[in-house]
Amino acid sequence: MSDDEKEFRKIPDKYENGFDKDVWSIFKIMGEFVEGYDKLLRIGPCVSIFGSSRLKDDDPYYKMAVDVAQRLTEVGFGVITGGGPGIMEAGNKGARQGNGKSVGLTIELPFEEDANPYIDKQYLIEFNYFFARKVMFVKYAQGFIVFPGGFGTLDELFEALTLIQTHKINPFPIVLIGKKFWGGLIDWISDSMITMGTISPNDMNLFQITDDPQEAVEILYNYYQDNILAPNF
């Protein structure tokens, strides 16, 4: 091995010096899990609502998210969101209007506003790590309702689908709101993924799509007429 190769393979000092920092970050990660579990352990049945933070309060999907969230609380569900603006704010606003539990799991980001004002103070939890936050979205939700959104929304949607597909969590309803928005993605999944055999045709049954707020709520409500309400994993 040449001297250049040896030098290339040598662990840089910045990594050696960062070892203690990495070890201590474990405790920070543990702290986020402990706080999340502690605050949400007895919250009762909830539905996580996802969607773009960029949609304003005059957007039809924002208004629909308020409606869906209020309807959910009226049949006994609390609402969990990412705690920010846009669809997240709409979800918490609807929960507040329906006198239901309104949970906000915020994340530290340089370009996002503070928590929206419709979150119950006792259920506002701030996260630094996306992965810890995503665990809470899944563990304490009895279903997902997913509005149009960006990469973050897709990340949360596909993680839940993967966990259900691989039997890492019990199945729960996943409802996509917005046939026009989601239609192209659904077509691509069917035409490309199923055609190539990268997923099973039955995997299309892991989610449902609608434009009707009442239908979305009924899908969640009816599912638990025959299934047990309980935290996941």
C-alpha atoms as a PDB file:
ATOM      1  CA  MET A   1       0.000   0.000   0.000  1.00  0.00           C
ATOM      2  CA  SER A   2       1.418   3.376  -0.981  1.00  0.00           C
ATOM      3  CA  ASP A   3       1.832   6.251   1.473  1.00  0.00           C
ATOM      4  CA  ASP A   4      -0.974   8.109  -0.323  1.00  0.00           C
ATOM      5  CA  GLU A   5      -3.334   5.151   0.174  1.00  0.00           C
ATOM      6  CA  LYS A   6      -2.398   4.921   3.860  1.00  0.00           C
ATOM      7  CA  GLU A   7      -3.041   8.626   4.309  1.00  0.00           C
ATOM      8  CA  PHE A   8      -6.401   8.342   2.516  1.00  0.00           C
ATOM      9  CA  ARG A   9      -7.511   5.493   4.803  1.00  0.00           C
ATOM     10  CA  LYS A  10      -6.414   7.254   7.973  1.00  0.00           C
ATOM     11  CA  ILE A  11      -9.301   8.438  10.134  1.00  0.00           C
ATOM     12  CA  PRO A  12      -9.254  12.251  10.029  1.00  0.00           C
ATOM     13  CA  ASP A  13      -8.606  13.998  13.322  1.00  0.00           C
ATOM     14  CA  LYS A  14     -11.972  15.755  13.084  1.00  0.00           C
ATOM     15  CA  TYR A  15     -13.723  12.374  13.378  1.00  0.00           C
ATOM     16  CA  GLU A  16     -11.542  11.226  16.265  1.00  0.00           C
ATOM     17  CA  ASN A  17     -12.131  14.499  18.070  1.00  0.00           C
ATOM     18  CA  GLY A  18     -15.876  14.249  17.444  1.00  0.00           C
ATOM     19  CA  PHE A  19     -16.239  10.875  19.136  1.00  0.00           C
ATOM     20  CA  ASP A  20     -17.318  12.297  22.505  1.00  0.00           C
ATOM     21  CA  LYS A  21     -19.842  14.552  20.786  1.00  0.00           C
ATOM     22  CA  ASP A  22     -21.376  11.577  18.967  1.00  0.00           C
ATOM     23  CA  VAL A  23     -21.613   9.560  22.168  1.00  0.00           C
ATOM     24  CA  TRP A  24     -23.345  12.382  24.038  1.00  0.00           C
ATOM     25  CA  SER A  25     -25.805  12.853  21.157  1.00  0.00           C
ATOM     26  CA  ILE A  26     -27.198   9.430  22.076  1.00  0.00           C
ATOM     27  CA  PHE A  27     -28.542  10.915  25.289  1.00  0.00           C
ATOM     28  CA  LYS A  28     -30.108  13.782  23.375  1.00  0.00           C
ATOM     29  CA  ILE A  29     -31.829  11.284  21.092  1.00  0.00           C
ATOM     30  CA  MET A  30     -33.001   9.262  24.088  1.00  0.00           C
ATOM     31  CA  GLY A  31     -34.392  12.445  25.631  1.00  0.00           C
ATOM     32  CA  GLU A  32     -36.570  13.087  22.588  1.00  0.00           C
ATOM     33  CA  PHE A  33     -37.997   9.570  22.735  1.00  0.00           C
ATOM     34  CA  VAL A  34     -38.611   9.780  26.486  1.00  0.00           C
ATOM     35  CA  GLU A  35     -40.442  13.113  26.216  1.00  0.00           C
ATOM     36  CA  GLY A  36     -42.549  11.903  23.297  1.00  0.00           C
ATOM     37  CA  TYR A  37     -43.508   8.636  24.984  1.00  0.00           C
ATOM     38  CA  ASP A  38     -44.229  10.377  28.273  1.00  0.00           C
ATOM     39  CA  LYS A  39     -46.527  13.034  26.813  1.00  0.00           C
ATOM     40  CA  LEU A  40     -48.387  10.800  24.371  1.00  0.00           C
ATOM     41  CA  LEU A  41     -48.625   7.489  26.232  1.00  0.00           C
ATOM     42  CA  ARG A  42     -52.191   8.065  27.453  1.00  0.00           C
ATOM     43  CA  ILE A  43     -53.427  10.411  24.757  1.00  0.00           C
ATOM     44  CA  GLY A  44     -55.997   7.984  23.354  1.00  0.00           C
ATOM     45  CA  PRO A  45     -56.921   7.346  19.715  1.00  0.00           C
ATOM     46  CA  CYS A  46     -55.457   9.857  17.274  1.00  0.00           C
ATOM     47  CA  VAL A  47     -55.004  10.370  13.557  1.00  0.00           C
ATOM     48  CA  SER A  48     -51.864  11.920  12.054  1.00  0.00           C
ATOM     49  CA  ILE A  49     -52.565  14.535   9.381  1.00  0.00           C
ATOM     50  CA  PHE A  50     -49.848  15.426   6.872  1.00  0.00           C
ATOM     51  CA  GLY A  51     -49.516  17.932   4.057  1.00  0.00           C
ATOM     52  CA  SER A  52     -47.661  20.941   2.758  1.00  0.00           C
ATOM     53  CA  SER A  53     -46.574  23.719   5.096  1.00  0.00           C
ATOM     54  CA  ARG A  54     -46.786  26.136   2.142  1.00  0.00           C
ATOM     55  CA  LEU A  55     -50.535  26.131   1.580  1.00  0.00           C
ATOM     56  CA  LYS A  56     -52.304  29.251   2.839  1.00  0.00           C
ATOM     57  CA  ASP A  57     -55.606  29.482   4.687  1.00  0.00           C
ATOM     58  CA  ASP A  58     -57.490  30.381   1.501  1.00  0.00           C
ATOM     59  CA  ASP A  59     -56.385  27.182  -0.269  1.00  0.00           C
ATOM     60  CA  PRO A  60     -59.173  24.595  -0.767  1.00  0.00           C
ATOM     61  CA  TYR A  61     -57.008  21.850   0.744  1.00  0.00           C
ATOM     62  CA  TYR A  62     -56.353  23.953   3.839  1.00  0.00           C
ATOM     63  CA  LYS A  63     -60.082  24.409   4.320  1.00  0.00           C
ATOM     64  CA  MET A  64     -60.663  20.707   3.718  1.00  0.00           C
ATOM     65  CA  ALA A  65     -58.034  19.806   6.317  1.00  0.00           C
ATOM     66  CA  VAL A  66     -59.806  21.961   8.899  1.00  0.00           C
ATOM     67  CA  ASP A  67     -63.055  20.190   8.050  1.00  0.00           C
ATOM     68  CA  VAL A  68     -61.534  16.695   8.200  1.00  0.00           C
ATOM     69  CA  ALA A  69     -59.812  17.353  11.525  1.00  0.00           C
ATOM     70  CA  GLN A  70     -62.976  18.720  13.114  1.00  0.00           C
ATOM     71  CA  ARG A  71     -64.974  15.722  11.900  1.00  0.00           C
ATOM     72  CA  LEU A  72     -62.337  13.384  13.326  1.00  0.00           C
ATOM     73  CA  THR A  73     -62.605  14.932  16.777  1.00  0.00           C
ATOM     74  CA  GLU A  74     -66.381  14.729  16.652  1.00  0.00           C
ATOM     75  CA  VAL A  75     -66.172  10.925  16.334  1.00  0.00           C
ATOM     76  CA  GLY A  76     -63.605  10.595  19.121  1.00  0.00           C
ATOM     77  CA  PHE A  77     -60.161  10.956  17.539  1.00  0.00           C
ATOM     78  CA  GLY A  78     -57.443  13.416  18.471  1.00  0.00           C
ATOM     79  CA  VAL A  79     -55.275  14.982  15.774  1.00  0.00           C
ATOM     80  CA  ILE A  80     -51.488  14.831  15.438  1.00  0.00           C
ATOM     81  CA  THR A  81     -49.632  17.131  13.035  1.00  0.00           C
ATOM     82  CA  GLY A  82     -46.124  18.417  12.493  1.00  0.00           C
ATOM     83  CA  GLY A  83     -47.154  21.545  14.345  1.00  0.00           C
ATOM     84  CA  GLY A  84     -46.180  24.053  11.669  1.00  0.00           C
ATOM     85  CA  PRO A  85     -48.113  26.193   9.163  1.00  0.00           C
ATOM     86  CA  GLY A  86     -50.174  25.146   6.145  1.00  0.00           C
ATOM     87  CA  ILE A  87     -51.971  21.806   6.339  1.00  0.00           C
ATOM     88  CA  MET A  88     -50.472  21.190   9.772  1.00  0.00           C
ATOM     89  CA  GLU A  89     -52.019  24.368  11.091  1.00  0.00           C
ATOM     90  CA  ALA A  90     -55.315  23.474   9.449  1.00  0.00           C
ATOM     91  CA  GLY A  91     -55.333  20.081  11.168  1.00  0.00           C
ATOM     92  CA  ASN A  92     -54.706  21.585  14.583  1.00  0.00           C
ATOM     93  CA  LYS A  93     -57.262  24.318  13.935  1.00  0.00           C
ATOM     94  CA  GLY A  94     -59.944  21.774  13.068  1.00  0.00           C
ATOM     95  CA  ALA A  95     -59.134  19.758  16.182  1.00  0.00           C
ATOM     96  CA  ARG A  96     -59.466  22.888  18.313  1.00  0.00           C
ATOM     97  CA  GLN A  97     -62.808  23.740  16.695  1.00  0.00           C
ATOM     98  CA  GLY A  98     -64.042  20.228  17.448  1.00  0.00           C
ATOM     99  CA  ASN A  99     -62.849  20.440  21.073  1.00  0.00           C
ATOM    100  CA  GLY A 100     -60.548  17.472  20.492  1.00  0.00           C
ATOM    101  CA  LYS A 101     -56.941  16.836  21.418  1.00  0.00           C
ATOM    102  CA  SER A 102     -54.554  18.808  19.230  1.00  0.00           C
ATOM    103  CA  VAL A 103     -50.974  17.538  19.107  1.00  0.00           C
ATOM    104  CA  GLY A 104     -48.053  19.292  17.440  1.00  0.00           C
ATOM    105  CA  LEU A 105     -44.700  17.581  16.858  1.00  0.00           C
ATOM    106  CA  THR A 106     -42.487  20.414  15.672  1.00  0.00           C
ATOM    107  CA  ILE A 107     -39.009  20.159  14.174  1.00  0.00           C
ATOM    108  CA  GLU A 108     -36.150  22.653  14.279  1.00  0.00           C
ATOM    109  CA  LEU A 109     -35.720  23.965  10.738  1.00  0.00           C
ATOM    110  CA  PRO A 110     -34.011  27.154   9.548  1.00  0.00           C
ATOM    111  CA  PHE A 111     -36.808  28.076   7.123  1.00  0.00           C
ATOM    112  CA  GLU A 112     -39.984  27.144   9.004  1.00  0.00           C
ATOM    113  CA  GLU A 113     -42.058  29.275  11.335  1.00  0.00           C
ATOM    114  CA  ASP A 114     -42.753  28.579  14.989  1.00  0.00           C
ATOM    115  CA  ALA A 115     -45.484  26.219  16.137  1.00  0.00           C
ATOM    116  CA  ASN A 116     -48.985  27.192  15.056  1.00  0.00           C
ATOM    117  CA  PRO A 117     -51.319  28.617  17.736  1.00  0.00           C
ATOM    118  CA  TYR A 118     -53.893  25.782  17.673  1.00  0.00           C
ATOM    119  CA  ILE A 119     -51.812  23.147  19.478  1.00  0.00           C
ATOM    120  CA  ASP A 120     -52.664  22.139  23.042  1.00  0.00           C
ATOM    121  CA  LYS A 121     -49.710  23.346  25.131  1.00  0.00           C
ATOM    122  CA  GLN A 122     -49.399  20.022  26.954  1.00  0.00           C
ATOM    123  CA  TYR A 123     -49.122  18.247  23.595  1.00  0.00           C
ATOM    124  CA  LEU A 124     -46.519  20.475  21.961  1.00  0.00           C
ATOM    125  CA  ILE A 125     -43.257  18.560  21.561  1.00  0.00           C
ATOM    126  CA  GLU A 126     -40.158  19.985  19.871  1.00  0.00           C
ATOM    127  CA  PHE A 127     -37.776  17.658  18.034  1.00  0.00           C
ATOM    128  CA  ASN A 128     -34.311  18.039  16.603  1.00  0.00           C
ATOM    129  CA  TYR A 129     -34.236  14.633  14.905  1.00  0.00           C
ATOM    130  CA  PHE A 130     -36.619  13.746  12.091  1.00  0.00           C
ATOM    131  CA  PHE A 131     -36.409  10.020  12.826  1.00  0.00           C
ATOM    132  CA  ALA A 132     -37.491  10.439  16.466  1.00  0.00           C
ATOM    133  CA  ARG A 133     -40.373  12.650  15.386  1.00  0.00           C
ATOM    134  CA  LYS A 134     -41.523  10.140  12.767  1.00  0.00           C
ATOM    135  CA  VAL A 135     -41.687   7.401  15.375  1.00  0.00           C
ATOM    136  CA  MET A 136     -44.245   9.466  17.319  1.00  0.00           C
ATOM    137  CA  PHE A 137     -46.344  10.087  14.204  1.00  0.00           C
ATOM    138  CA  VAL A 138     -46.669   6.340  13.735  1.00  0.00           C
ATOM    139  CA  LYS A 139     -46.678   4.956  17.263  1.00  0.00           C
ATOM    140  CA  TYR A 140     -49.559   7.025  18.612  1.00  0.00           C
ATOM    141  CA  ALA A 141     -51.704   7.241  15.463  1.00  0.00           C
ATOM    142  CA  GLN A 142     -54.527   4.930  14.480  1.00  0.00           C
ATOM    143  CA  GLY A 143     -54.425   6.180  10.919  1.00  0.00           C
ATOM    144  CA  PHE A 144     -52.881   8.670   8.491  1.00  0.00           C
ATOM    145  CA  ILE A 145     -54.716  11.262   6.421  1.00  0.00           C
ATOM    146  CA  VAL A 146     -52.368  12.706   3.821  1.00  0.00           C
ATOM    147  CA  PHE A 147     -53.048  15.929   1.932  1.00  0.00           C
ATOM    148  CA  PRO A 148     -50.993  17.307  -0.971  1.00  0.00           C
ATOM    149  CA  GLY A 149     -47.457  18.028   0.139  1.00  0.00           C
ATOM    150  CA  GLY A 150     -43.780  17.926  -0.685  1.00  0.00           C
ATOM    151  CA  PHE A 151     -40.851  15.623   0.004  1.00  0.00           C
ATOM    152  CA  GLY A 152     -41.534  15.510   3.743  1.00  0.00           C
ATOM    153  CA  THR A 153     -45.127  14.439   3.198  1.00  0.00           C
ATOM    154  CA  LEU A 154     -44.023  11.720   0.781  1.00  0.00           C
ATOM    155  CA  ASP A 155     -41.365  10.565   3.235  1.00  0.00           C
ATOM    156  CA  GLU A 156     -43.909  10.118   6.017  1.00  0.00           C
ATOM    157  CA  LEU A 157     -46.410   8.447   3.702  1.00  0.00           C
ATOM    158  CA  PHE A 158     -43.976   5.910   2.250  1.00  0.00           C
ATOM    159  CA  GLU A 159     -42.424   5.108   5.613  1.00  0.00           C
ATOM    160  CA  ALA A 160     -45.854   4.139   6.959  1.00  0.00           C
ATOM    161  CA  LEU A 161     -46.609   2.084   3.842  1.00  0.00           C
ATOM    162  CA  THR A 162     -43.258   0.307   4.193  1.00  0.00           C
ATOM    163  CA  LEU A 163     -43.812  -0.487   7.883  1.00  0.00           C
ATOM    164  CA  ILE A 164     -47.244  -1.943   7.154  1.00  0.00           C
ATOM    165  CA  GLN A 165     -46.055  -3.821   4.048  1.00  0.00           C
ATOM    166  CA  THR A 166     -43.194  -5.430   5.988  1.00  0.00           C
ATOM    167  CA  HIS A 167     -45.370  -6.221   9.023  1.00  0.00           C
ATOM    168  CA  LYS A 168     -43.293  -4.062  11.337  1.00  0.00           C
ATOM    169  CA  ILE A 169     -46.483  -2.405  12.591  1.00  0.00           C
ATOM    170  CA  ASN A 170     -50.107  -3.457  12.595  1.00  0.00           C
ATOM    171  CA  PRO A 171     -52.096  -2.248   9.575  1.00  0.00           C
ATOM    172  CA  PHE A 172     -53.994   1.010   9.932  1.00  0.00           C
ATOM    173  CA  PRO A 173     -55.956   3.125   7.453  1.00  0.00           C
ATOM    174  CA  ILE A 174     -54.033   5.495   5.194  1.00  0.00           C
ATOM    175  CA  VAL A 175     -56.214   7.949   3.296  1.00  0.00           C
ATOM    176  CA  LEU A 176     -54.942  10.256   0.565  1.00  0.00           C
ATOM    177  CA  ILE A 177     -56.951  13.435   0.035  1.00  0.00           C
ATOM    178  CA  GLY A 178     -56.904  14.869  -3.480  1.00  0.00           C
ATOM    179  CA  LYS A 179     -57.449  12.612  -6.475  1.00  0.00           C
ATOM    180  CA  LYS A 180     -56.063  15.187  -8.901  1.00  0.00           C
ATOM    181  CA  PHE A 181     -52.876  15.697  -6.891  1.00  0.00           C
ATOM    182  CA  TRP A 182     -52.176  12.038  -6.141  1.00  0.00           C
ATOM    183  CA  GLY A 183     -53.470  10.585  -9.423  1.00  0.00           C
ATOM    184  CA  GLY A 184     -50.164  10.770 -11.302  1.00  0.00           C
ATOM    185  CA  LEU A 185     -48.291   9.071  -8.490  1.00  0.00           C
ATOM    186  CA  ILE A 186     -50.892   6.316  -8.222  1.00  0.00           C
ATOM    187  CA  ASP A 187     -50.709   5.730 -11.980  1.00  0.00           C
ATOM    188  CA  TRP A 188     -46.917   5.522 -11.830  1.00  0.00           C
ATOM    189  CA  ILE A 189     -47.009   3.036  -8.951  1.00  0.00           C
ATOM    190  CA  SER A 190     -49.436   0.889 -10.920  1.00  0.00           C
ATOM    191  CA  ASP A 191     -47.794   1.233 -14.327  1.00  0.00           C
ATOM    192  CA  SER A 192     -44.158   1.017 -13.209  1.00  0.00           C
ATOM    193  CA  MET A 193     -43.777  -0.640  -9.817  1.00  0.00           C
ATOM    194  CA  ILE A 194     -46.473  -3.272 -10.183  1.00  0.00           C
ATOM    195  CA  THR A 195     -45.600  -3.901 -13.837  1.00  0.00           C
ATOM    196  CA  MET A 196     -41.943  -4.480 -12.925  1.00  0.00           C
ATOM    197  CA  GLY A 197     -42.880  -6.585  -9.917  1.00  0.00           C
ATOM    198  CA  THR A 198     -41.168  -4.364  -7.347  1.00  0.00           C
ATOM    199  CA  ILE A 199     -44.355  -4.394  -5.253  1.00  0.00           C
ATOM    200  CA  SER A 200     -47.339  -6.727  -5.110  1.00  0.00           C
ATOM    201  CA  PRO A 201     -50.689  -5.728  -6.658  1.00  0.00           C
ATOM    202  CA  ASN A 202     -52.172  -6.220  -3.176  1.00  0.00           C
ATOM    203  CA  ASP A 203     -49.990  -3.374  -1.891  1.00  0.00           C
ATOM    204  CA  MET A 204     -52.357  -0.968  -3.632  1.00  0.00           C
ATOM    205  CA  ASN A 205     -54.853  -1.884  -0.923  1.00  0.00           C
ATOM    206  CA  LEU A 206     -52.657  -0.324   1.761  1.00  0.00           C
ATOM    207  CA  PHE A 207     -54.169   3.102   1.067  1.00  0.00           C
ATOM    208  CA  GLN A 208     -57.355   4.702  -0.195  1.00  0.00           C
ATOM    209  CA  ILE A 209     -57.923   7.968  -2.027  1.00  0.00           C
ATOM    210  CA  THR A 210     -60.840  10.392  -1.884  1.00  0.00           C
ATOM    211  CA  ASP A 211     -61.906  14.004  -2.292  1.00  0.00           C
ATOM    212  CA  ASP A 212     -64.674  13.726   0.308  1.00  0.00           C
ATOM    213  CA  PRO A 213     -63.859  14.778   3.906  1.00  0.00           C
ATOM    214  CA  GLN A 214     -66.739  12.726   5.303  1.00  0.00           C
ATOM    215  CA  GLU A 215     -65.616   9.615   3.427  1.00  0.00           C
ATOM    216  CA  ALA A 216     -62.095  10.038   4.785  1.00  0.00           C
ATOM    217  CA  VAL A 217     -63.399  10.147   8.350  1.00  0.00           C
ATOM    218  CA  GLU A 218     -65.747   7.223   7.774  1.00  0.00           C
ATOM    219  CA  ILE A 219     -62.865   5.070   6.495  1.00  0.00           C
ATOM    220  CA  LEU A 220     -61.053   5.632   9.804  1.00  0.00           C
ATOM    221  CA  TYR A 221     -64.141   5.271  11.974  1.00  0.00           C
ATOM    222  CA  ASN A 222     -65.469   2.142  10.261  1.00  0.00           C
ATOM    223  CA  TYR A 223     -62.089   0.409  10.390  1.00  0.00           C
ATOM    224  CA  TYR A 224     -62.131   0.512  14.178  1.00  0.00           C
ATOM    225  CA  GLN A 225     -65.558  -0.995  14.469  1.00  0.00           C
ATOM    226  CA  ASP A 226     -63.773  -4.315  13.852  1.00  0.00           C
ATOM    227  CA  ASN A 227     -60.217  -3.551  15.037  1.00  0.00           C
ATOM    228  CA  ILE A 228     -58.651  -2.688  18.370  1.00  0.00           C
ATOM    229  CA  LEU A 229     -57.640   0.895  19.143  1.00  0.00           C
ATOM    230  CA  ALA A 230     -54.112   0.771  20.577  1.00  0.00           C
ATOM    231  CA  PRO A 231     -50.669   2.354  20.115  1.00  0.00           C
ATOM    232  CA  ASN A 232     -48.560   0.737  17.379  1.00  0.00           C
ATOM    233  CA  PHE A 233     -45.623  -1.524  18.258  1.00  0.00           C
END
